[in-house]
């Protein structure tokens, strides 16, 4: 198999021309540059804050967490609603595999429902850039312990695959599943952060959120295996490989975090801190 065949196998017909003019959906340089700025900004930010007093960001933290809580609820409901309007739970509908709408004879190239689904997937993509402020807040408050490898890796390596698989190369179809489930998990995660910031930490929910995240990654692995090796969803194969590799890595990292945080016996010093 020559290079051209491999390339076509992985990326299909290339980016979807209907969305290439949308904000932050230019070439690969855009998500790559934004992710690079995020990664490089972390040590720079920590260095700047090293000899400074931590900022008191209670009001902004409240806004940030409440905004992402409500946005996640909206994205969950709207993604499922638009998936229903596009696929209608018809006899051809499957949870994991639905083709991206073919170009229509309309000014946008989408049907009304097809454009609405592409739009909510784009909003989900943009929200991943805004979520970088999770780390900015931690650094400005000098909560550097929270800026762990898991936290940074999770944020830094999500933006590009979402750009590629959910919008730029496949704005519709089974991309709804990742968007809806991830947004649903974030309803609980940012809801927990919001209530913790107002003095209601709800510790019993914290452990459940990590378990929920691991279940999410397991279903992503199942979905990626299904669309890569069992059926043809008529989308670039590379998006399926992105999903499979990322889901496996995230599952391992979150499982390690879960064992370390909730299953290993606490040291006496750690118990006193709590």
C-alpha atoms as a PDB file:
ATOM      1  CA  UNK A   1       0.000   0.000   0.000  1.00  0.00           C
ATOM      2  CA  UNK A   2       1.552   3.312  -1.068  1.00  0.00           C
ATOM      3  CA  UNK A   3       1.565   6.560   0.909  1.00  0.00           C
ATOM      4  CA  UNK A   4      -1.375   8.031  -1.012  1.00  0.00           C
ATOM      5  CA  UNK A   5      -3.502   4.983  -0.230  1.00  0.00           C
ATOM      6  CA  UNK A   6      -2.568   5.094   3.458  1.00  0.00           C
ATOM      7  CA  UNK A   7      -3.333   8.823   3.595  1.00  0.00           C
ATOM      8  CA  UNK A   8      -6.730   8.352   1.950  1.00  0.00           C
ATOM      9  CA  UNK A   9      -7.474   5.439   4.274  1.00  0.00           C
ATOM     10  CA  UNK A  10      -6.739   7.588   7.331  1.00  0.00           C
ATOM     11  CA  UNK A  11      -8.225  10.971   6.398  1.00  0.00           C
ATOM     12  CA  UNK A  12     -10.773  10.086   3.723  1.00  0.00           C
ATOM     13  CA  UNK A  13     -11.654  12.955   1.410  1.00  0.00           C
ATOM     14  CA  UNK A  14     -10.045  15.535   3.695  1.00  0.00           C
ATOM     15  CA  UNK A  15     -11.635  18.272   5.819  1.00  0.00           C
ATOM     16  CA  UNK A  16     -15.327  19.028   5.500  1.00  0.00           C
ATOM     17  CA  UNK A  17     -15.451  22.181   3.368  1.00  0.00           C
ATOM     18  CA  UNK A  18     -18.717  23.262   4.996  1.00  0.00           C
ATOM     19  CA  UNK A  19     -16.986  24.138   8.276  1.00  0.00           C
ATOM     20  CA  UNK A  20     -13.480  25.212   7.239  1.00  0.00           C
ATOM     21  CA  UNK A  21     -14.433  28.899   7.469  1.00  0.00           C
ATOM     22  CA  UNK A  22     -15.870  28.584  10.993  1.00  0.00           C
ATOM     23  CA  UNK A  23     -13.860  30.221  13.835  1.00  0.00           C
ATOM     24  CA  UNK A  24     -10.802  28.224  14.966  1.00  0.00           C
ATOM     25  CA  UNK A  25     -11.410  25.581  12.294  1.00  0.00           C
ATOM     26  CA  UNK A  26      -8.565  26.591  10.004  1.00  0.00           C
ATOM     27  CA  UNK A  27      -5.622  24.259   9.498  1.00  0.00           C
ATOM     28  CA  UNK A  28      -4.003  21.983  12.057  1.00  0.00           C
ATOM     29  CA  UNK A  29      -1.779  24.894  13.121  1.00  0.00           C
ATOM     30  CA  UNK A  30      -4.649  26.493  15.084  1.00  0.00           C
ATOM     31  CA  UNK A  31      -5.387  23.746  17.654  1.00  0.00           C
ATOM     32  CA  UNK A  32      -1.698  22.822  17.767  1.00  0.00           C
ATOM     33  CA  UNK A  33      -0.642  26.409  18.544  1.00  0.00           C
ATOM     34  CA  UNK A  34      -3.359  26.852  21.183  1.00  0.00           C
ATOM     35  CA  UNK A  35      -2.368  23.595  22.890  1.00  0.00           C
ATOM     36  CA  UNK A  36       1.321  24.563  22.730  1.00  0.00           C
ATOM     37  CA  UNK A  37       0.622  27.962  24.319  1.00  0.00           C
ATOM     38  CA  UNK A  38      -1.266  26.158  27.088  1.00  0.00           C
ATOM     39  CA  UNK A  39       1.597  23.740  27.777  1.00  0.00           C
ATOM     40  CA  UNK A  40       4.339  26.388  27.628  1.00  0.00           C
ATOM     41  CA  UNK A  41       2.270  28.815  29.663  1.00  0.00           C
ATOM     42  CA  UNK A  42       2.156  26.516  32.690  1.00  0.00           C
ATOM     43  CA  UNK A  43       5.845  26.748  33.757  1.00  0.00           C
ATOM     44  CA  UNK A  44       5.880  30.429  32.776  1.00  0.00           C
ATOM     45  CA  UNK A  45       2.826  31.112  34.915  1.00  0.00           C
ATOM     46  CA  UNK A  46       4.240  29.187  37.860  1.00  0.00           C
ATOM     47  CA  UNK A  47       7.510  31.092  37.561  1.00  0.00           C
ATOM     48  CA  UNK A  48       5.679  34.437  37.552  1.00  0.00           C
ATOM     49  CA  UNK A  49       3.635  33.429  40.609  1.00  0.00           C
ATOM     50  CA  UNK A  50       6.583  31.940  42.521  1.00  0.00           C
ATOM     51  CA  UNK A  51       7.324  35.018  44.653  1.00  0.00           C
ATOM     52  CA  UNK A  52       3.847  36.530  44.550  1.00  0.00           C
ATOM     53  CA  UNK A  53       0.899  36.196  46.856  1.00  0.00           C
ATOM     54  CA  UNK A  54      -1.861  33.940  45.494  1.00  0.00           C
ATOM     55  CA  UNK A  55      -4.766  35.744  43.877  1.00  0.00           C
ATOM     56  CA  UNK A  56      -8.150  35.587  45.546  1.00  0.00           C
ATOM     57  CA  UNK A  57     -10.344  34.461  42.690  1.00  0.00           C
ATOM     58  CA  UNK A  58     -13.468  33.326  44.508  1.00  0.00           C
ATOM     59  CA  UNK A  59     -15.865  35.338  42.348  1.00  0.00           C
ATOM     60  CA  UNK A  60     -14.242  34.305  39.077  1.00  0.00           C
ATOM     61  CA  UNK A  61     -13.978  30.665  40.206  1.00  0.00           C
ATOM     62  CA  UNK A  62     -17.693  30.685  41.023  1.00  0.00           C
ATOM     63  CA  UNK A  63     -18.516  32.146  37.618  1.00  0.00           C
ATOM     64  CA  UNK A  64     -16.132  29.802  35.790  1.00  0.00           C
ATOM     65  CA  UNK A  65     -17.479  26.629  37.371  1.00  0.00           C
ATOM     66  CA  UNK A  66     -21.117  27.675  37.156  1.00  0.00           C
ATOM     67  CA  UNK A  67     -20.689  28.697  33.518  1.00  0.00           C
ATOM     68  CA  UNK A  68     -19.152  25.344  32.566  1.00  0.00           C
ATOM     69  CA  UNK A  69     -21.779  23.531  34.650  1.00  0.00           C
ATOM     70  CA  UNK A  70     -24.639  25.199  32.776  1.00  0.00           C
ATOM     71  CA  UNK A  71     -22.855  25.006  29.409  1.00  0.00           C
ATOM     72  CA  UNK A  72     -22.305  21.273  29.928  1.00  0.00           C
ATOM     73  CA  UNK A  73     -25.999  20.781  30.694  1.00  0.00           C
ATOM     74  CA  UNK A  74     -26.920  22.705  27.547  1.00  0.00           C
ATOM     75  CA  UNK A  75     -24.482  20.729  25.376  1.00  0.00           C
ATOM     76  CA  UNK A  76     -25.748  17.408  26.750  1.00  0.00           C
ATOM     77  CA  UNK A  77     -29.404  18.167  26.076  1.00  0.00           C
ATOM     78  CA  UNK A  78     -28.871  19.955  22.758  1.00  0.00           C
ATOM     79  CA  UNK A  79     -26.532  17.288  21.362  1.00  0.00           C
ATOM     80  CA  UNK A  80     -29.022  14.521  22.142  1.00  0.00           C
ATOM     81  CA  UNK A  81     -31.883  16.610  20.749  1.00  0.00           C
ATOM     82  CA  UNK A  82     -30.056  17.294  17.505  1.00  0.00           C
ATOM     83  CA  UNK A  83     -28.978  13.651  17.241  1.00  0.00           C
ATOM     84  CA  UNK A  84     -32.645  12.686  17.498  1.00  0.00           C
ATOM     85  CA  UNK A  85     -33.629  15.236  14.842  1.00  0.00           C
ATOM     86  CA  UNK A  86     -30.876  13.968  12.527  1.00  0.00           C
ATOM     87  CA  UNK A  87     -31.161  10.220  13.050  1.00  0.00           C
ATOM     88  CA  UNK A  88     -34.653   9.956  14.559  1.00  0.00           C
ATOM     89  CA  UNK A  89     -33.790   6.689  16.267  1.00  0.00           C
ATOM     90  CA  UNK A  90     -34.677   5.193  12.879  1.00  0.00           C
ATOM     91  CA  UNK A  91     -34.072   1.585  11.885  1.00  0.00           C
ATOM     92  CA  UNK A  92     -30.652   2.680  10.590  1.00  0.00           C
ATOM     93  CA  UNK A  93     -29.707   4.395  13.857  1.00  0.00           C
ATOM     94  CA  UNK A  94     -26.956   2.955  16.038  1.00  0.00           C
ATOM     95  CA  UNK A  95     -25.521   4.407  19.233  1.00  0.00           C
ATOM     96  CA  UNK A  96     -21.925   4.288  18.013  1.00  0.00           C
ATOM     97  CA  UNK A  97     -22.071   4.669  14.228  1.00  0.00           C
ATOM     98  CA  UNK A  98     -24.070   7.161  12.160  1.00  0.00           C
ATOM     99  CA  UNK A  99     -22.792   8.751   8.978  1.00  0.00           C
ATOM    100  CA  UNK A 100     -22.079  12.469   8.695  1.00  0.00           C
ATOM    101  CA  UNK A 101     -24.771  14.198   6.657  1.00  0.00           C
ATOM    102  CA  UNK A 102     -23.900  14.434   2.969  1.00  0.00           C
ATOM    103  CA  UNK A 103     -23.655  17.931   1.408  1.00  0.00           C
ATOM    104  CA  UNK A 104     -27.087  19.429   0.733  1.00  0.00           C
ATOM    105  CA  UNK A 105     -28.270  21.882  -1.915  1.00  0.00           C
ATOM    106  CA  UNK A 106     -28.459  24.753   0.588  1.00  0.00           C
ATOM    107  CA  UNK A 107     -26.366  27.911   1.120  1.00  0.00           C
ATOM    108  CA  UNK A 108     -24.492  26.267   4.008  1.00  0.00           C
ATOM    109  CA  UNK A 109     -24.333  22.788   2.520  1.00  0.00           C
ATOM    110  CA  UNK A 110     -26.213  21.456   5.543  1.00  0.00           C
ATOM    111  CA  UNK A 111     -29.842  20.723   6.218  1.00  0.00           C
ATOM    112  CA  UNK A 112     -31.246  22.723   9.142  1.00  0.00           C
ATOM    113  CA  UNK A 113     -30.831  19.848  11.592  1.00  0.00           C
ATOM    114  CA  UNK A 114     -27.435  18.885  10.153  1.00  0.00           C
ATOM    115  CA  UNK A 115     -26.102  22.409  10.650  1.00  0.00           C
ATOM    116  CA  UNK A 116     -27.505  22.527  14.191  1.00  0.00           C
ATOM    117  CA  UNK A 117     -25.693  19.298  15.102  1.00  0.00           C
ATOM    118  CA  UNK A 118     -22.451  20.568  13.556  1.00  0.00           C
ATOM    119  CA  UNK A 119     -22.854  23.808  15.518  1.00  0.00           C
ATOM    120  CA  UNK A 120     -23.243  22.107  18.896  1.00  0.00           C
ATOM    121  CA  UNK A 121     -20.188  19.963  18.111  1.00  0.00           C
ATOM    122  CA  UNK A 122     -18.291  23.172  17.324  1.00  0.00           C
ATOM    123  CA  UNK A 123     -19.428  24.712  20.642  1.00  0.00           C
ATOM    124  CA  UNK A 124     -18.151  21.605  22.426  1.00  0.00           C
ATOM    125  CA  UNK A 125     -14.799  22.036  20.651  1.00  0.00           C
ATOM    126  CA  UNK A 126     -14.571  25.717  21.654  1.00  0.00           C
ATOM    127  CA  UNK A 127     -15.436  24.818  25.255  1.00  0.00           C
ATOM    128  CA  UNK A 128     -12.271  22.709  25.392  1.00  0.00           C
ATOM    129  CA  UNK A 129     -10.222  25.861  24.834  1.00  0.00           C
ATOM    130  CA  UNK A 130     -12.096  27.714  27.576  1.00  0.00           C
ATOM    131  CA  UNK A 131     -11.481  24.801  29.963  1.00  0.00           C
ATOM    132  CA  UNK A 132      -7.788  25.737  29.899  1.00  0.00           C
ATOM    133  CA  UNK A 133      -8.815  28.362  32.449  1.00  0.00           C
ATOM    134  CA  UNK A 134      -9.107  25.501  34.961  1.00  0.00           C
ATOM    135  CA  UNK A 135      -5.313  25.480  35.008  1.00  0.00           C
ATOM    136  CA  UNK A 136      -4.957  29.269  34.899  1.00  0.00           C
ATOM    137  CA  UNK A 137      -7.074  29.550  38.054  1.00  0.00           C
ATOM    138  CA  UNK A 138      -5.014  26.891  39.843  1.00  0.00           C
ATOM    139  CA  UNK A 139      -1.746  28.638  38.983  1.00  0.00           C
ATOM    140  CA  UNK A 140      -2.999  32.100  39.965  1.00  0.00           C
ATOM    141  CA  UNK A 141      -4.240  30.688  43.291  1.00  0.00           C
ATOM    142  CA  UNK A 142      -0.889  28.835  43.660  1.00  0.00           C
ATOM    143  CA  UNK A 143      -2.633  25.481  43.945  1.00  0.00           C
ATOM    144  CA  UNK A 144       0.281  23.921  42.100  1.00  0.00           C
ATOM    145  CA  UNK A 145      -0.319  20.427  43.492  1.00  0.00           C
ATOM    146  CA  UNK A 146      -3.517  20.319  41.471  1.00  0.00           C
ATOM    147  CA  UNK A 147      -1.574  20.955  38.257  1.00  0.00           C
ATOM    148  CA  UNK A 148      -0.645  17.289  38.031  1.00  0.00           C
ATOM    149  CA  UNK A 149       0.511  15.328  35.014  1.00  0.00           C
ATOM    150  CA  UNK A 150      -2.983  13.853  34.681  1.00  0.00           C
ATOM    151  CA  UNK A 151      -4.588  17.300  34.761  1.00  0.00           C
ATOM    152  CA  UNK A 152      -2.220  18.809  32.180  1.00  0.00           C
ATOM    153  CA  UNK A 153      -2.223  15.789  29.875  1.00  0.00           C
ATOM    154  CA  UNK A 154      -6.019  15.589  29.983  1.00  0.00           C
ATOM    155  CA  UNK A 155      -6.412  19.222  28.927  1.00  0.00           C
ATOM    156  CA  UNK A 156      -3.496  19.469  26.502  1.00  0.00           C
ATOM    157  CA  UNK A 157      -4.232  16.363  24.449  1.00  0.00           C
ATOM    158  CA  UNK A 158      -7.995  16.754  24.089  1.00  0.00           C
ATOM    159  CA  UNK A 159      -8.232  19.922  22.010  1.00  0.00           C
ATOM    160  CA  UNK A 160      -6.615  18.648  18.792  1.00  0.00           C
ATOM    161  CA  UNK A 161      -8.505  15.312  18.536  1.00  0.00           C
ATOM    162  CA  UNK A 162     -11.828  17.086  19.154  1.00  0.00           C
ATOM    163  CA  UNK A 163     -10.926  19.601  16.410  1.00  0.00           C
ATOM    164  CA  UNK A 164     -10.032  16.772  14.056  1.00  0.00           C
ATOM    165  CA  UNK A 165     -12.620  14.079  14.708  1.00  0.00           C
ATOM    166  CA  UNK A 166     -15.691  15.965  15.880  1.00  0.00           C
ATOM    167  CA  UNK A 167     -15.733  19.060  13.694  1.00  0.00           C
ATOM    168  CA  UNK A 168     -13.090  19.662  11.020  1.00  0.00           C
ATOM    169  CA  UNK A 169     -13.200  16.206   9.427  1.00  0.00           C
ATOM    170  CA  UNK A 170     -16.596  14.916  10.569  1.00  0.00           C
ATOM    171  CA  UNK A 171     -19.106  17.503  11.866  1.00  0.00           C
ATOM    172  CA  UNK A 172     -21.929  15.122  12.675  1.00  0.00           C
ATOM    173  CA  UNK A 173     -22.665  11.422  12.718  1.00  0.00           C
ATOM    174  CA  UNK A 174     -21.382   9.393  15.647  1.00  0.00           C
ATOM    175  CA  UNK A 175     -19.377  12.374  16.941  1.00  0.00           C
ATOM    176  CA  UNK A 176     -22.565  13.228  18.845  1.00  0.00           C
ATOM    177  CA  UNK A 177     -21.849  10.358  21.267  1.00  0.00           C
ATOM    178  CA  UNK A 178     -18.487  11.649  22.511  1.00  0.00           C
ATOM    179  CA  UNK A 179     -19.844  15.177  22.819  1.00  0.00           C
ATOM    180  CA  UNK A 180     -23.011  14.186  24.705  1.00  0.00           C
ATOM    181  CA  UNK A 181     -21.335  11.771  27.121  1.00  0.00           C
ATOM    182  CA  UNK A 182     -18.372  14.037  27.844  1.00  0.00           C
ATOM    183  CA  UNK A 183     -20.695  16.982  28.464  1.00  0.00           C
ATOM    184  CA  UNK A 184     -22.846  14.844  30.782  1.00  0.00           C
ATOM    185  CA  UNK A 185     -19.784  13.864  32.837  1.00  0.00           C
ATOM    186  CA  UNK A 186     -18.801  17.534  33.034  1.00  0.00           C
ATOM    187  CA  UNK A 187     -22.224  18.455  34.422  1.00  0.00           C
ATOM    188  CA  UNK A 188     -21.315  16.500  37.553  1.00  0.00           C
ATOM    189  CA  UNK A 189     -17.650  17.534  37.564  1.00  0.00           C
ATOM    190  CA  UNK A 190     -18.204  21.286  37.304  1.00  0.00           C
ATOM    191  CA  UNK A 191     -21.268  21.027  39.504  1.00  0.00           C
ATOM    192  CA  UNK A 192     -19.039  19.473  42.152  1.00  0.00           C
ATOM    193  CA  UNK A 193     -16.432  22.226  41.707  1.00  0.00           C
ATOM    194  CA  UNK A 194     -19.107  24.907  41.971  1.00  0.00           C
ATOM    195  CA  UNK A 195     -20.614  23.546  45.171  1.00  0.00           C
ATOM    196  CA  UNK A 196     -17.129  23.004  46.637  1.00  0.00           C
ATOM    197  CA  UNK A 197     -16.289  26.658  45.931  1.00  0.00           C
ATOM    198  CA  UNK A 198     -19.335  27.793  47.943  1.00  0.00           C
ATOM    199  CA  UNK A 199     -18.435  25.558  50.895  1.00  0.00           C
ATOM    200  CA  UNK A 200     -20.361  22.384  49.974  1.00  0.00           C
ATOM    201  CA  UNK A 201     -17.633  19.939  48.903  1.00  0.00           C
ATOM    202  CA  UNK A 202     -19.891  16.820  48.615  1.00  0.00           C
ATOM    203  CA  UNK A 203     -16.979  14.346  49.006  1.00  0.00           C
ATOM    204  CA  UNK A 204     -19.169  11.320  48.246  1.00  0.00           C
ATOM    205  CA  UNK A 205     -19.675  12.650  44.693  1.00  0.00           C
ATOM    206  CA  UNK A 206     -15.959  13.203  44.018  1.00  0.00           C
ATOM    207  CA  UNK A 207     -15.157   9.490  43.975  1.00  0.00           C
ATOM    208  CA  UNK A 208     -18.196   8.741  41.808  1.00  0.00           C
ATOM    209  CA  UNK A 209     -17.107  11.340  39.230  1.00  0.00           C
ATOM    210  CA  UNK A 210     -13.768   9.565  38.734  1.00  0.00           C
ATOM    211  CA  UNK A 211     -15.585   6.237  38.341  1.00  0.00           C
ATOM    212  CA  UNK A 212     -17.988   7.838  35.862  1.00  0.00           C
ATOM    213  CA  UNK A 213     -15.033   9.175  33.869  1.00  0.00           C
ATOM    214  CA  UNK A 214     -13.509   5.699  33.676  1.00  0.00           C
ATOM    215  CA  UNK A 215     -16.812   4.250  32.450  1.00  0.00           C
ATOM    216  CA  UNK A 216     -16.844   7.010  29.825  1.00  0.00           C
ATOM    217  CA  UNK A 217     -13.419   5.941  28.545  1.00  0.00           C
ATOM    218  CA  UNK A 218     -14.443   2.273  28.437  1.00  0.00           C
ATOM    219  CA  UNK A 219     -17.419   3.138  26.215  1.00  0.00           C
ATOM    220  CA  UNK A 220     -15.133   5.242  23.993  1.00  0.00           C
ATOM    221  CA  UNK A 221     -12.860   2.215  23.571  1.00  0.00           C
ATOM    222  CA  UNK A 222     -15.876   0.097  22.631  1.00  0.00           C
ATOM    223  CA  UNK A 223     -17.047   2.756  20.166  1.00  0.00           C
ATOM    224  CA  UNK A 224     -13.632   3.154  18.531  1.00  0.00           C
ATOM    225  CA  UNK A 225     -13.158  -0.614  18.156  1.00  0.00           C
ATOM    226  CA  UNK A 226     -16.641  -0.842  16.639  1.00  0.00           C
ATOM    227  CA  UNK A 227     -16.113   1.927  14.083  1.00  0.00           C
ATOM    228  CA  UNK A 228     -12.558   0.825  13.210  1.00  0.00           C
ATOM    229  CA  UNK A 229     -12.822  -2.947  13.006  1.00  0.00           C
ATOM    230  CA  UNK A 230     -16.492  -3.965  12.867  1.00  0.00           C
ATOM    231  CA  UNK A 231     -18.299  -1.527  10.608  1.00  0.00           C
ATOM    232  CA  UNK A 232     -17.692   1.435   8.302  1.00  0.00           C
ATOM    233  CA  UNK A 233     -19.026   4.742   9.612  1.00  0.00           C
ATOM    234  CA  UNK A 234     -17.857   6.601   6.515  1.00  0.00           C
ATOM    235  CA  UNK A 235     -15.588   8.990   8.360  1.00  0.00           C
ATOM    236  CA  UNK A 236     -11.786   9.363   8.483  1.00  0.00           C
ATOM    237  CA  UNK A 237     -10.244   6.344  10.181  1.00  0.00           C
ATOM    238  CA  UNK A 238      -7.714   8.550  11.932  1.00  0.00           C
ATOM    239  CA  UNK A 239     -10.433   9.975  14.177  1.00  0.00           C
ATOM    240  CA  UNK A 240     -11.199   6.440  15.366  1.00  0.00           C
ATOM    241  CA  UNK A 241      -7.528   5.778  16.090  1.00  0.00           C
ATOM    242  CA  UNK A 242      -7.291   9.077  17.978  1.00  0.00           C
ATOM    243  CA  UNK A 243     -10.291   8.059  20.076  1.00  0.00           C
ATOM    244  CA  UNK A 244      -8.982   4.555  20.769  1.00  0.00           C
ATOM    245  CA  UNK A 245      -5.475   5.602  21.812  1.00  0.00           C
ATOM    246  CA  UNK A 246      -6.654   8.551  23.891  1.00  0.00           C
ATOM    247  CA  UNK A 247      -9.361   6.536  25.645  1.00  0.00           C
ATOM    248  CA  UNK A 248      -6.901   3.785  26.594  1.00  0.00           C
ATOM    249  CA  UNK A 249      -4.346   6.277  27.936  1.00  0.00           C
ATOM    250  CA  UNK A 250      -6.998   8.218  29.855  1.00  0.00           C
ATOM    251  CA  UNK A 251      -8.452   5.020  31.307  1.00  0.00           C
ATOM    252  CA  UNK A 252      -5.031   3.927  32.581  1.00  0.00           C
ATOM    253  CA  UNK A 253      -4.211   7.367  34.029  1.00  0.00           C
ATOM    254  CA  UNK A 254      -7.583   7.791  35.719  1.00  0.00           C
ATOM    255  CA  UNK A 255      -7.455   4.233  37.075  1.00  0.00           C
ATOM    256  CA  UNK A 256      -4.027   4.943  38.578  1.00  0.00           C
ATOM    257  CA  UNK A 257      -5.393   8.160  40.089  1.00  0.00           C
ATOM    258  CA  UNK A 258      -8.411   6.288  41.491  1.00  0.00           C
ATOM    259  CA  UNK A 259      -6.250   3.609  43.108  1.00  0.00           C
ATOM    260  CA  UNK A 260      -3.836   6.191  44.527  1.00  0.00           C
ATOM    261  CA  UNK A 261      -6.577   8.479  45.838  1.00  0.00           C
ATOM    262  CA  UNK A 262      -9.261   6.085  47.057  1.00  0.00           C
ATOM    263  CA  UNK A 263      -7.949   2.531  47.418  1.00  0.00           C
ATOM    264  CA  UNK A 264      -4.425   2.856  48.818  1.00  0.00           C
ATOM    265  CA  UNK A 265      -4.212   3.285  52.605  1.00  0.00           C
ATOM    266  CA  UNK A 266      -3.540   6.888  53.573  1.00  0.00           C
ATOM    267  CA  UNK A 267      -0.311   7.726  55.371  1.00  0.00           C
ATOM    268  CA  UNK A 268      -0.680   9.176  58.830  1.00  0.00           C
ATOM    269  CA  UNK A 269       0.526  12.586  57.650  1.00  0.00           C
ATOM    270  CA  UNK A 270      -2.019  12.639  54.847  1.00  0.00           C
ATOM    271  CA  UNK A 271      -4.836  11.776  57.247  1.00  0.00           C
ATOM    272  CA  UNK A 272      -3.912  14.718  59.469  1.00  0.00           C
ATOM    273  CA  UNK A 273      -3.954  17.067  56.468  1.00  0.00           C
ATOM    274  CA  UNK A 274      -7.504  15.953  55.698  1.00  0.00           C
END
